[in-house]
């Protein structure tokens, strides 16, 4: 997609093109999810709220898209820089006594301004500070959210050492998929797009009861250092990644919860970070750069975890060998090449089909390891990512790890998804993983 970049007097562009992935994630707000990626960071000491507020504001210059709003032009959607950034609300400070209640209040909240991409809230407790970060999925995926946490901590740290520190945006960074396609030796990705190609339809869905979105909830299960090391070691002994172990537990728990018929392949979407296909030396801005694999596995009666793991690993290896993430990346490229109004119609049709059939493949999004976050001299004691709340029949579970604490998380809305069923599902996954310890 091409667009003339308009620059202000200080050479900061005023507009940027929206990528196909931006369009896809923005349009998800129309019935698919709440398009909020969030993070919770806990520190045992006190932060300087004035410096943190300044760090948030500087981050909008370091990553300019975060200071923009998404413009739904009928032909070509684009990013438009907000005017008067200093007068808008990017940072909030709240004092609270109940940590869980204060965190949930933040996670359930909306952005103060329609169309903004970032919000940071400092929650001051009696014995600790908690930072809540909210990022619009239209601007960033889960990996980008992790990068933002590092950026925010880095800017805060530099401000704590030099209060006059400022940032210089690197306007050469890319937000599109070019580095990924280059790594695959693909110069014309649209030549691979076949609008007539058919994918297998979803086979199931997480239990749901209508599509009334209602109130958002968060369900979490954590595995401490000892359990994390044991689960990872189990995967190592079997020559598989932690993600494959989690996916195996995901399958086995859904098989049990849904009473899946033996022998029939069931599908889970597994998200893929496309950045891993090219070197970290490539300049890539905080952005959406993800695809997914259609992972299918059948339930087998009285199968052990090890046997399920072996089949899952073989299936994933086959998908990776066949570049299973490529078709999704090509579709995203296509969404950025057609009129925005046509992309809207296409995705609305897919949403309606899911509602009509009641089937939507559950997702697994493993955000991976969050690096140790230092705000000044303080290292955060705990951190985890909260993925968007998927609206029924959609469903997603995320995984993120901080300092060897693994967090599994599901964002959902009642009454379409019932708390008892979500909690039972996570308990079943926990039992599967704890059995490996």
Protein backbone atom coordinates (compact mmCIF):
# COMPACT_ATOMS: atom_id res chain seq x y z
CA UNK A 1 0.00 0.00 0.00
CA UNK A 2 1.32 3.43 -0.83
CA UNK A 3 0.50 6.75 0.72
CA UNK A 4 2.17 10.11 0.56
CA UNK A 5 3.62 10.83 3.98
CA UNK A 6 2.76 14.35 5.10
CA UNK A 7 5.34 15.93 7.38
CA UNK A 8 4.99 18.68 9.90
CA UNK A 9 7.53 21.47 10.27
CA UNK A 10 9.59 19.39 12.69
CA UNK A 11 9.66 16.50 10.18
CA UNK A 12 7.36 14.26 12.23
CA UNK A 13 4.96 12.63 9.76
CA UNK A 14 1.32 13.52 10.26
CA UNK A 15 -0.07 10.44 8.51
CA UNK A 16 1.00 6.82 8.07
CA UNK A 17 -0.52 4.04 5.97
CA UNK A 18 -2.42 1.34 7.85
CA UNK A 19 -1.19 -2.18 7.13
CA UNK A 20 -3.49 -5.09 6.38
CA UNK A 21 -2.91 -6.41 9.89
CA UNK A 22 -3.84 -3.02 11.35
CA UNK A 23 -7.08 -3.11 9.36
CA UNK A 24 -7.85 -6.67 10.46
CA UNK A 25 -7.32 -5.96 14.15
CA UNK A 26 -9.15 -2.63 14.04
CA UNK A 27 -12.20 -4.23 12.44
CA UNK A 28 -12.25 -6.93 15.12
CA UNK A 29 -13.97 -4.37 17.35
CA UNK A 30 -17.11 -4.92 15.29
CA UNK A 31 -18.25 -8.04 17.12
CA UNK A 32 -15.08 -10.13 17.43
CA UNK A 33 -13.19 -8.75 20.45
CA UNK A 34 -12.57 -5.67 22.59
CA UNK A 35 -9.21 -5.22 20.73
CA UNK A 36 -7.34 -4.36 23.94
CA UNK A 37 -3.97 -5.93 24.71
CA UNK A 38 -3.09 -5.16 28.30
CA UNK A 39 -0.27 -5.71 30.76
CA UNK A 40 -0.01 -5.71 34.53
CA UNK A 41 3.36 -4.93 36.13
CA UNK A 42 3.98 -5.07 39.89
CA UNK A 43 6.81 -3.31 41.72
CA UNK A 44 7.49 -3.67 45.41
CA UNK A 45 8.67 -0.07 45.77
CA UNK A 46 7.51 3.38 44.71
CA UNK A 47 7.77 4.97 41.28
CA UNK A 48 7.85 8.69 40.54
CA UNK A 49 4.44 9.31 39.00
CA UNK A 50 5.61 12.58 37.39
CA UNK A 51 8.47 10.80 35.62
CA UNK A 52 6.22 7.91 34.57
CA UNK A 53 3.70 10.32 33.07
CA UNK A 54 6.51 12.01 31.16
CA UNK A 55 7.83 8.63 30.00
CA UNK A 56 4.41 7.72 28.60
CA UNK A 57 4.23 10.99 26.70
CA UNK A 58 7.73 10.53 25.27
CA UNK A 59 6.83 7.01 24.16
CA UNK A 60 4.29 8.54 21.77
CA UNK A 61 7.17 10.27 19.99
CA UNK A 62 9.48 7.23 20.11
CA UNK A 63 6.73 5.14 18.46
CA UNK A 64 4.63 7.75 16.60
CA UNK A 65 1.73 5.43 15.70
CA UNK A 66 0.86 5.30 19.40
CA UNK A 67 0.01 8.99 19.18
CA UNK A 68 -2.36 8.45 16.27
CA UNK A 69 -5.98 7.56 15.63
CA UNK A 70 -7.12 5.06 13.01
CA UNK A 71 -9.05 6.75 10.20
CA UNK A 72 -11.67 4.60 8.45
CA UNK A 73 -11.42 6.04 4.96
CA UNK A 74 -13.72 4.17 2.58
CA UNK A 75 -10.86 3.50 0.18
CA UNK A 76 -7.65 3.42 2.19
CA UNK A 77 -7.52 3.42 5.97
CA UNK A 78 -4.65 5.33 7.54
CA UNK A 79 -3.18 6.61 10.80
CA UNK A 80 -3.63 10.29 11.67
CA UNK A 81 -1.50 11.92 14.36
CA UNK A 82 -3.58 13.49 17.14
CA UNK A 83 -3.29 17.24 17.49
CA UNK A 84 -2.48 18.73 20.90
CA UNK A 85 -1.04 15.49 22.28
CA UNK A 86 -0.03 17.20 25.50
CA UNK A 87 -3.66 18.05 26.29
CA UNK A 88 -4.93 14.47 25.96
CA UNK A 89 -5.06 11.80 28.68
CA UNK A 90 -2.39 9.13 28.25
CA UNK A 91 -1.61 8.55 31.94
CA UNK A 92 -3.70 8.07 35.07
CA UNK A 93 -2.78 7.89 38.75
CA UNK A 94 -5.01 6.04 41.20
CA UNK A 95 -4.64 5.13 44.86
CA UNK A 96 -6.22 1.89 46.02
CA UNK A 97 -6.33 -0.52 48.95
CA UNK A 98 -7.56 -3.64 47.17
CA UNK A 99 -5.05 -4.65 44.49
CA UNK A 100 -7.20 -7.23 42.72
CA UNK A 101 -10.20 -4.90 42.54
CA UNK A 102 -8.08 -1.97 41.30
CA UNK A 103 -6.41 -4.08 38.61
CA UNK A 104 -9.73 -5.50 37.40
CA UNK A 105 -11.23 -2.02 37.30
CA UNK A 106 -8.41 -0.95 34.97
CA UNK A 107 -8.63 -4.04 32.76
CA UNK A 108 -12.37 -3.53 32.32
CA UNK A 109 -12.08 0.18 31.57
CA UNK A 110 -12.19 1.83 28.16
CA UNK A 111 -9.80 4.33 26.66
CA UNK A 112 -10.68 7.89 27.76
CA UNK A 113 -10.61 9.05 24.14
CA UNK A 114 -12.15 7.29 21.16
CA UNK A 115 -9.39 6.11 18.85
CA UNK A 116 -6.40 6.38 21.17
CA UNK A 117 -3.80 3.61 21.15
CA UNK A 118 -2.18 3.69 24.59
CA UNK A 119 -3.12 4.27 28.21
CA UNK A 120 -0.99 3.74 31.32
CA UNK A 121 -2.34 3.79 34.87
CA UNK A 122 -0.17 3.83 38.00
CA UNK A 123 -2.05 2.15 40.85
CA UNK A 124 -0.58 3.08 44.23
CA UNK A 125 -1.12 0.47 46.95
CA UNK A 126 -0.05 0.62 50.57
CA UNK A 127 2.97 -1.61 50.01
CA UNK A 128 3.53 -1.61 46.24
CA UNK A 129 2.96 0.12 42.91
CA UNK A 130 1.20 -1.57 40.01
CA UNK A 131 1.38 -0.33 36.41
CA UNK A 132 -1.49 -1.14 34.08
CA UNK A 133 -0.83 -0.74 30.36
CA UNK A 134 -3.54 -0.76 27.71
CA UNK A 135 -2.65 -0.95 23.98
CA UNK A 136 -5.08 -0.94 21.08
CA UNK A 137 -4.63 -4.14 19.06
CA UNK A 138 -5.03 -2.08 15.88
CA UNK A 139 -1.59 -0.60 16.59
CA UNK A 140 0.25 -3.57 18.09
CA UNK A 141 0.23 -7.32 18.61
CA UNK A 142 1.37 -9.17 21.73
CA UNK A 143 5.06 -9.07 20.87
CA UNK A 144 4.74 -5.35 20.16
CA UNK A 145 3.12 -4.93 23.58
CA UNK A 146 6.14 -6.59 25.18
CA UNK A 147 8.40 -4.23 23.25
CA UNK A 148 6.35 -1.29 24.55
CA UNK A 149 6.83 -2.40 28.16
CA UNK A 150 10.59 -2.44 27.59
CA UNK A 151 10.43 0.97 25.88
CA UNK A 152 8.43 2.51 28.73
CA UNK A 153 10.82 1.12 31.37
CA UNK A 154 13.84 2.31 29.39
CA UNK A 155 12.51 5.85 28.96
CA UNK A 156 11.56 6.04 32.65
CA UNK A 157 15.03 4.86 33.64
CA UNK A 158 16.73 7.45 31.44
CA UNK A 159 14.48 10.18 32.80
CA UNK A 160 15.36 9.14 36.35
CA UNK A 161 19.00 9.77 35.50
CA UNK A 162 18.44 12.87 33.36
CA UNK A 163 15.10 14.66 33.69
CA UNK A 164 15.71 16.53 30.41
CA UNK A 165 16.08 13.30 28.39
CA UNK A 166 14.21 13.33 25.09
CA UNK A 167 13.63 10.81 22.32
CA UNK A 168 14.28 10.90 18.60
CA UNK A 169 11.87 8.77 16.58
CA UNK A 170 13.46 6.34 14.12
CA UNK A 171 11.30 7.02 11.08
CA UNK A 172 13.07 4.29 9.08
CA UNK A 173 11.40 1.50 11.03
CA UNK A 174 8.89 -0.61 9.12
CA UNK A 175 5.39 -1.56 10.27
CA UNK A 176 4.52 -3.92 7.42
CA UNK A 177 5.42 -7.55 6.61
CA UNK A 178 8.22 -6.82 4.12
CA UNK A 179 11.04 -8.20 6.28
CA UNK A 180 9.12 -11.46 6.71
CA UNK A 181 8.44 -11.90 2.99
CA UNK A 182 12.05 -10.96 2.15
CA UNK A 183 13.26 -13.67 4.52
CA UNK A 184 11.07 -16.16 2.63
CA UNK A 185 12.44 -14.99 -0.72
CA UNK A 186 9.01 -13.65 -1.72
CA UNK A 187 9.12 -10.39 -3.66
CA UNK A 188 5.46 -10.36 -4.76
CA UNK A 189 3.34 -11.82 -1.93
CA UNK A 190 0.08 -10.90 -3.64
CA UNK A 191 1.00 -13.33 -6.44
CA UNK A 192 0.38 -16.07 -3.87
CA UNK A 193 -3.08 -14.83 -2.96
CA UNK A 194 -5.93 -16.98 -4.22
CA UNK A 195 -9.35 -15.65 -3.22
CA UNK A 196 -10.93 -18.90 -4.45
CA UNK A 197 -8.87 -21.11 -2.13
CA UNK A 198 -10.89 -22.72 0.61
CA UNK A 199 -9.82 -23.52 4.13
CA UNK A 200 -11.40 -26.22 6.20
CA UNK A 201 -14.28 -24.85 8.31
CA UNK A 202 -13.97 -24.64 12.12
CA UNK A 203 -14.72 -27.93 13.82
CA UNK A 204 -15.86 -26.76 17.25
CA UNK A 205 -16.01 -23.86 19.68
CA UNK A 206 -15.53 -23.30 23.36
CA UNK A 207 -18.89 -23.72 25.17
CA UNK A 208 -20.93 -20.55 24.73
CA UNK A 209 -24.45 -19.36 25.38
CA UNK A 210 -25.53 -16.81 22.79
CA UNK A 211 -23.49 -13.77 21.76
CA UNK A 212 -24.49 -11.28 24.46
CA UNK A 213 -21.14 -9.73 25.39
CA UNK A 214 -22.07 -8.50 28.85
CA UNK A 215 -19.42 -7.96 31.50
CA UNK A 216 -15.75 -8.73 30.90
CA UNK A 217 -13.88 -11.11 33.22
CA UNK A 218 -10.30 -12.33 33.51
CA UNK A 219 -9.38 -15.88 34.53
CA UNK A 220 -5.76 -16.65 35.43
CA UNK A 221 -3.63 -19.63 36.43
CA UNK A 222 0.01 -19.20 37.47
CA UNK A 223 2.89 -21.64 37.70
CA UNK A 224 5.77 -20.56 39.93
CA UNK A 225 9.50 -20.99 39.30
CA UNK A 226 9.63 -24.60 40.44
CA UNK A 227 6.62 -25.70 38.40
CA UNK A 228 7.78 -23.70 35.36
CA UNK A 229 11.23 -25.29 35.44
CA UNK A 230 9.71 -28.76 35.79
CA UNK A 231 7.27 -28.26 32.88
CA UNK A 232 10.00 -26.84 30.68
CA UNK A 233 12.36 -29.68 31.62
CA UNK A 234 9.63 -32.20 30.73
CA UNK A 235 9.39 -30.61 27.28
CA UNK A 236 13.17 -30.66 26.95
CA UNK A 237 13.32 -34.39 27.72
CA UNK A 238 10.84 -34.97 24.89
CA UNK A 239 12.55 -32.56 22.49
CA UNK A 240 9.64 -30.09 22.29
CA UNK A 241 9.06 -26.45 23.17
CA UNK A 242 7.08 -25.15 26.12
CA UNK A 243 4.47 -23.94 23.60
CA UNK A 244 3.93 -27.50 22.35
CA UNK A 245 3.48 -28.74 25.92
CA UNK A 246 0.89 -26.02 26.59
CA UNK A 247 -0.88 -26.75 23.28
CA UNK A 248 -1.08 -30.44 24.20
CA UNK A 249 -2.68 -29.58 27.55
CA UNK A 250 -5.04 -27.20 25.69
CA UNK A 251 -6.19 -29.97 23.37
CA UNK A 252 -6.60 -32.55 26.11
CA UNK A 253 -8.61 -30.15 28.25
CA UNK A 254 -10.93 -29.18 25.40
CA UNK A 255 -11.39 -32.83 24.42
CA UNK A 256 -12.49 -33.53 27.98
CA UNK A 257 -14.64 -30.42 28.37
CA UNK A 258 -16.46 -30.87 25.07
CA UNK A 259 -16.57 -34.66 25.00
CA UNK A 260 -15.05 -34.67 21.52
CA UNK A 261 -15.70 -37.79 19.45
CA UNK A 262 -12.66 -40.02 19.14
CA UNK A 263 -10.82 -39.95 15.82
CA UNK A 264 -12.18 -36.62 14.54
CA UNK A 265 -9.58 -33.88 14.06
CA UNK A 266 -10.31 -30.68 15.94
CA UNK A 267 -8.71 -27.30 15.22
CA UNK A 268 -6.92 -24.76 17.37
CA UNK A 269 -5.38 -21.62 15.89
CA UNK A 270 -1.81 -21.13 17.11
CA UNK A 271 -0.49 -17.59 16.68
CA UNK A 272 2.95 -17.10 15.13
CA UNK A 273 5.26 -14.10 15.60
CA UNK A 274 6.59 -13.36 12.12
CA UNK A 275 9.55 -11.44 13.57
CA UNK A 276 11.28 -14.71 14.40
CA UNK A 277 11.79 -15.36 10.69
CA UNK A 278 14.17 -12.42 10.24
CA UNK A 279 17.06 -11.02 12.24
CA UNK A 280 16.61 -8.68 15.17
CA UNK A 281 18.90 -6.24 13.36
CA UNK A 282 16.03 -5.39 11.00
CA UNK A 283 14.26 -2.19 11.97
CA UNK A 284 10.70 -3.08 12.91
CA UNK A 285 8.50 -0.64 14.81
CA UNK A 286 5.98 -1.63 17.45
CA UNK A 287 3.34 -3.03 15.13
CA UNK A 288 1.17 -5.98 14.16
CA UNK A 289 3.34 -8.71 12.68
CA UNK A 290 1.63 -12.00 13.48
CA UNK A 291 0.07 -14.90 11.64
CA UNK A 292 -1.36 -18.24 12.74
CA UNK A 293 -1.30 -21.95 12.01
CA UNK A 294 -4.36 -24.18 11.61
CA UNK A 295 -3.39 -26.91 14.08
CA UNK A 296 -5.59 -30.04 13.94
CA UNK A 297 -5.47 -33.03 16.26
CA UNK A 298 -7.86 -35.90 16.98
CA UNK A 299 -8.85 -37.22 20.40
CA UNK A 300 -7.74 -40.79 21.16
CA UNK A 301 -9.32 -42.81 23.94
CA UNK A 302 -7.29 -43.31 27.13
CA UNK A 303 -4.18 -41.68 25.66
CA UNK A 304 -1.41 -40.59 28.02
CA UNK A 305 -0.06 -37.03 28.01
CA UNK A 306 3.21 -38.27 26.54
CA UNK A 307 1.40 -39.94 23.66
CA UNK A 308 -0.68 -36.80 23.00
CA UNK A 309 2.49 -34.70 23.16
CA UNK A 310 4.23 -36.89 20.60
CA UNK A 311 1.34 -36.50 18.13
CA UNK A 312 1.07 -32.76 18.76
CA UNK A 313 4.80 -32.26 18.21
CA UNK A 314 4.70 -34.24 14.95
CA UNK A 315 1.74 -32.19 13.75
CA UNK A 316 3.41 -28.85 14.63
CA UNK A 317 6.68 -29.90 12.98
CA UNK A 318 4.74 -30.68 9.81
CA UNK A 319 3.02 -27.29 9.87
CA UNK A 320 6.32 -25.47 10.34
CA UNK A 321 7.94 -27.47 7.54
CA UNK A 322 5.12 -26.45 5.21
CA UNK A 323 5.28 -22.75 6.17
CA UNK A 324 1.81 -22.92 7.70
CA UNK A 325 1.99 -19.27 8.76
CA UNK A 326 2.47 -18.02 5.17
CA UNK A 327 -1.17 -18.17 3.95
CA UNK A 328 -2.32 -16.04 6.90
CA UNK A 329 0.40 -13.47 6.18
CA UNK A 330 -0.68 -13.35 2.52
CA UNK A 331 -4.33 -12.82 3.50
CA UNK A 332 -3.27 -9.94 5.73
CA UNK A 333 -1.35 -8.46 2.82
CA UNK A 334 -4.50 -8.72 0.70
CA UNK A 335 -6.58 -6.92 3.33
CA UNK A 336 -4.19 -4.01 3.04
CA UNK A 337 -4.48 -3.98 -0.74
CA UNK A 338 -8.25 -3.81 -1.17
CA UNK A 339 -10.61 -0.96 -0.37
CA UNK A 340 -11.24 -0.59 3.34
CA UNK A 341 -14.99 -0.92 2.78
CA UNK A 342 -14.44 -4.29 1.07
CA UNK A 343 -12.21 -5.50 3.90
CA UNK A 344 -14.94 -4.51 6.35
CA UNK A 345 -17.53 -6.48 4.38
CA UNK A 346 -15.27 -9.53 4.14
CA UNK A 347 -14.59 -9.67 7.88
CA UNK A 348 -18.22 -9.00 8.77
CA UNK A 349 -19.17 -11.96 6.61
CA UNK A 350 -16.67 -14.19 8.42
CA UNK A 351 -18.04 -13.04 11.76
CA UNK A 352 -21.62 -13.73 10.71
CA UNK A 353 -20.67 -17.21 9.54
CA UNK A 354 -19.17 -17.98 12.96
CA UNK A 355 -22.33 -16.75 14.67
CA UNK A 356 -24.58 -18.73 12.32
CA UNK A 357 -22.65 -22.00 12.68
CA UNK A 358 -21.78 -21.52 16.35
CA UNK A 359 -18.25 -22.71 15.54
CA UNK A 360 -14.98 -20.80 15.86
CA UNK A 361 -11.58 -22.37 16.34
CA UNK A 362 -10.16 -21.54 19.80
CA UNK A 363 -6.84 -19.67 19.80
CA UNK A 364 -3.60 -20.17 21.68
CA UNK A 365 -1.42 -17.05 21.87
CA UNK A 366 1.90 -17.61 23.62
CA UNK A 367 3.38 -14.14 24.11
CA UNK A 368 6.57 -15.75 25.41
CA UNK A 369 9.08 -14.38 27.89
CA UNK A 370 8.74 -10.81 29.11
CA UNK A 371 12.30 -9.52 29.77
CA UNK A 372 13.08 -8.24 33.26
CA UNK A 373 11.66 -4.72 33.47
CA UNK A 374 13.75 -2.13 35.31
CA UNK A 375 12.15 1.19 36.19
CA UNK A 376 15.18 3.09 37.39
CA UNK A 377 16.92 0.79 39.85
CA UNK A 378 13.77 -1.20 40.57
CA UNK A 379 13.05 -4.48 38.84
CA UNK A 380 9.39 -5.40 38.51
CA UNK A 381 8.59 -8.40 40.70
CA UNK A 382 5.80 -9.68 38.47
CA UNK A 383 4.32 -9.03 35.04
CA UNK A 384 1.89 -10.67 32.65
CA UNK A 385 -0.01 -9.97 29.43
CA UNK A 386 -3.81 -9.88 29.12
CA UNK A 387 -5.04 -10.63 25.60
CA UNK A 388 -8.24 -9.19 24.08
CA UNK A 389 -11.58 -10.53 25.30
CA UNK A 390 -12.91 -12.63 22.44
CA UNK A 391 -16.64 -12.49 21.86
CA UNK A 392 -18.51 -15.79 21.52
CA UNK A 393 -18.20 -18.07 19.71
CA UNK A 394 -14.54 -16.93 19.64
CA UNK A 395 -12.23 -17.91 22.50
CA UNK A 396 -8.53 -17.38 23.26
CA UNK A 397 -6.08 -18.42 25.94
CA UNK A 398 -2.76 -16.64 26.30
CA UNK A 399 0.51 -17.58 27.95
CA UNK A 400 3.25 -15.25 29.12
CA UNK A 401 6.28 -15.77 31.34
CA UNK A 402 8.07 -13.33 33.62
CA UNK A 403 11.04 -14.35 35.76
CA UNK A 404 10.11 -18.02 35.46
CA UNK A 405 6.48 -17.49 36.46
CA UNK A 406 4.16 -18.78 33.75
CA UNK A 407 0.74 -17.12 33.53
CA UNK A 408 -2.14 -18.64 31.57
CA UNK A 409 -4.96 -16.13 31.00
CA UNK A 410 -8.41 -15.97 29.41
CA UNK A 411 -10.39 -12.77 28.87
CA UNK A 412 -14.08 -13.44 28.31
CA UNK A 413 -17.55 -11.93 28.66
CA UNK A 414 -20.52 -13.25 30.59
CA UNK A 415 -23.16 -14.47 29.95
CA UNK A 416 -22.03 -15.70 26.51
CA UNK A 417 -19.14 -17.49 28.22
CA UNK A 418 -19.89 -18.79 31.70
CA UNK A 419 -17.38 -18.31 34.49
CA UNK A 420 -17.83 -21.88 35.74
CA UNK A 421 -16.90 -23.35 32.35
CA UNK A 422 -13.88 -21.07 31.84
CA UNK A 423 -12.61 -21.80 35.35
CA UNK A 424 -13.16 -25.54 34.88
CA UNK A 425 -11.24 -25.42 31.61
CA UNK A 426 -8.25 -23.64 33.20
CA UNK A 427 -8.34 -26.03 36.16
CA UNK A 428 -8.19 -28.96 33.74
CA UNK A 429 -5.20 -27.42 31.93
CA UNK A 430 -3.52 -26.76 35.28
CA UNK A 431 -4.06 -30.37 36.32
CA UNK A 432 -2.60 -31.60 33.01
CA UNK A 433 0.51 -29.44 33.43
CA UNK A 434 0.92 -30.12 37.16
CA UNK A 435 0.88 -33.84 36.42
CA UNK A 436 4.21 -33.30 34.63
CA UNK A 437 5.87 -31.74 37.68
